[in-house]
Amino acid sequence: MPTVDEARRRLILELDRARKQGYKAIKLIHGYGSTGKGGVLKDALRKSLSLRRKEGVIRSFVAGERWDSFEEVARAILDACPELSRDSDLGQGNEGVTIVLL
């Protein structure tokens, strides 16, 4: 289990690597916390993604529990990256993932 600081550093590195490799989007698997009530990593990484969005590093992101074709942000991501419509977590309410549009 990485610390929050380690996870943030790795996130930044992986976002940069994915962009350089030409990916349009990534699925961030952070888990939802061992207690099942939400985890420190999930919250910290989503906060970091909010900052990256404001900085223009990423275009958008959607929490796994909102990763559903009926959600506005998810629809915008699906429009930009239609191949994500085959993602096994779409519509499943998985709190342990976050979808990031680069």
Protein backbone atom coordinates (compact mmCIF):
# COMPACT_ATOMS: atom_id res chain seq x y z
CA MET A 1 0.00 0.00 0.00
CA PRO A 2 1.52 3.31 -1.03
CA THR A 3 1.29 6.37 1.14
CA VAL A 4 -0.81 9.29 -0.11
CA ASP A 5 2.34 11.16 -1.16
CA GLU A 6 3.67 8.13 -3.03
CA ALA A 7 0.32 7.61 -4.76
CA ARG A 8 0.17 11.28 -5.81
CA ARG A 9 3.69 11.14 -7.24
CA ARG A 10 2.89 7.97 -9.15
CA LEU A 11 -0.35 9.47 -10.46
CA ILE A 12 1.49 12.48 -11.86
CA LEU A 13 4.11 10.24 -13.48
CA GLU A 14 1.50 7.92 -14.98
CA LEU A 15 -0.59 10.80 -16.35
CA ASP A 16 2.52 12.15 -18.08
CA ARG A 17 3.49 8.70 -19.38
CA ALA A 18 -0.01 7.99 -20.70
CA ARG A 19 -0.13 11.33 -22.49
CA LYS A 20 3.29 10.77 -24.09
CA GLN A 21 2.17 7.32 -25.26
CA GLY A 22 -0.89 8.84 -26.92
CA TYR A 23 -3.62 7.58 -24.62
CA LYS A 24 -6.85 9.56 -24.54
CA ALA A 25 -8.01 8.26 -21.16
CA ILE A 26 -6.94 6.07 -18.27
CA LYS A 27 -8.73 4.10 -15.61
CA LEU A 28 -7.25 4.82 -12.21
CA ILE A 29 -7.68 1.90 -9.81
CA HIS A 30 -7.27 3.19 -6.28
CA GLY A 31 -9.61 1.00 -4.29
CA TYR A 32 -12.38 2.23 -2.02
CA GLY A 33 -10.79 1.68 1.37
CA SER A 34 -10.40 -1.47 3.42
CA THR A 35 -13.31 -0.50 5.67
CA GLY A 36 -15.67 -0.20 2.72
CA LYS A 37 -16.52 3.37 3.82
CA GLY A 38 -14.12 5.18 1.52
CA GLY A 39 -10.40 5.36 1.49
CA VAL A 40 -7.76 7.96 2.08
CA LEU A 41 -6.09 7.25 -1.29
CA LYS A 42 -9.36 7.56 -3.21
CA ASP A 43 -10.15 10.93 -1.67
CA ALA A 44 -6.60 12.28 -1.99
CA LEU A 45 -6.18 11.18 -5.60
CA ARG A 46 -9.52 12.64 -6.63
CA LYS A 47 -8.57 15.91 -4.97
CA SER A 48 -5.29 15.82 -6.88
CA LEU A 49 -7.20 15.19 -10.11
CA SER A 50 -9.35 18.24 -9.41
CA LEU A 51 -6.20 20.32 -9.15
CA ARG A 52 -4.76 18.77 -12.33
CA ARG A 53 -8.01 19.65 -14.14
CA LYS A 54 -7.80 23.28 -12.99
CA GLU A 55 -4.17 23.40 -14.13
CA GLY A 56 -5.12 22.00 -17.53
CA VAL A 57 -3.09 18.82 -17.08
CA ILE A 58 -6.19 16.67 -17.63
CA ARG A 59 -9.44 17.50 -19.39
CA SER A 60 -11.88 15.80 -17.05
CA PHE A 61 -12.48 12.87 -14.71
CA VAL A 62 -15.42 11.00 -13.27
CA ALA A 63 -15.63 8.98 -10.07
CA GLY A 64 -16.42 5.31 -10.56
CA GLU A 65 -19.69 5.61 -8.67
CA ARG A 66 -20.79 8.19 -11.27
CA TRP A 67 -19.30 6.32 -14.26
CA ASP A 68 -22.64 5.81 -15.96
CA SER A 69 -23.93 6.80 -19.38
CA PHE A 70 -26.72 8.79 -17.70
CA GLU A 71 -24.22 11.12 -15.98
CA GLU A 72 -23.29 14.30 -17.87
CA VAL A 73 -19.54 14.16 -17.20
CA ALA A 74 -19.40 10.47 -18.08
CA ARG A 75 -21.26 11.11 -21.34
CA ALA A 76 -18.76 13.82 -22.27
CA ILE A 77 -15.88 11.40 -21.62
CA LEU A 78 -17.63 8.70 -23.65
CA ASP A 79 -18.13 11.17 -26.51
CA ALA A 80 -14.41 11.98 -26.49
CA CYS A 81 -13.36 8.35 -26.11
CA PRO A 82 -16.15 6.05 -27.42
CA GLU A 83 -14.13 2.88 -26.89
CA LEU A 84 -14.72 3.34 -23.15
CA SER A 85 -18.33 2.28 -23.73
CA ARG A 86 -16.97 -1.29 -23.46
CA ASP A 87 -15.45 -0.67 -20.01
CA SER A 88 -16.59 -3.35 -17.56
CA ASP A 89 -17.12 -0.75 -14.80
CA LEU A 90 -19.47 1.46 -16.81
CA GLY A 91 -22.79 1.56 -14.98
CA GLN A 92 -21.53 -0.59 -12.09
CA GLY A 93 -21.05 2.10 -9.42
CA ASN A 94 -17.49 0.98 -8.63
CA GLU A 95 -16.11 3.38 -6.01
CA GLY A 96 -12.65 1.87 -6.39
CA VAL A 97 -11.95 3.44 -9.80
CA THR A 98 -11.84 6.84 -11.43
CA ILE A 99 -11.88 7.46 -15.19
CA VAL A 100 -9.56 10.25 -16.38
CA LEU A 101 -9.76 12.02 -19.74
CA LEU A 102 -6.32 13.30 -20.70
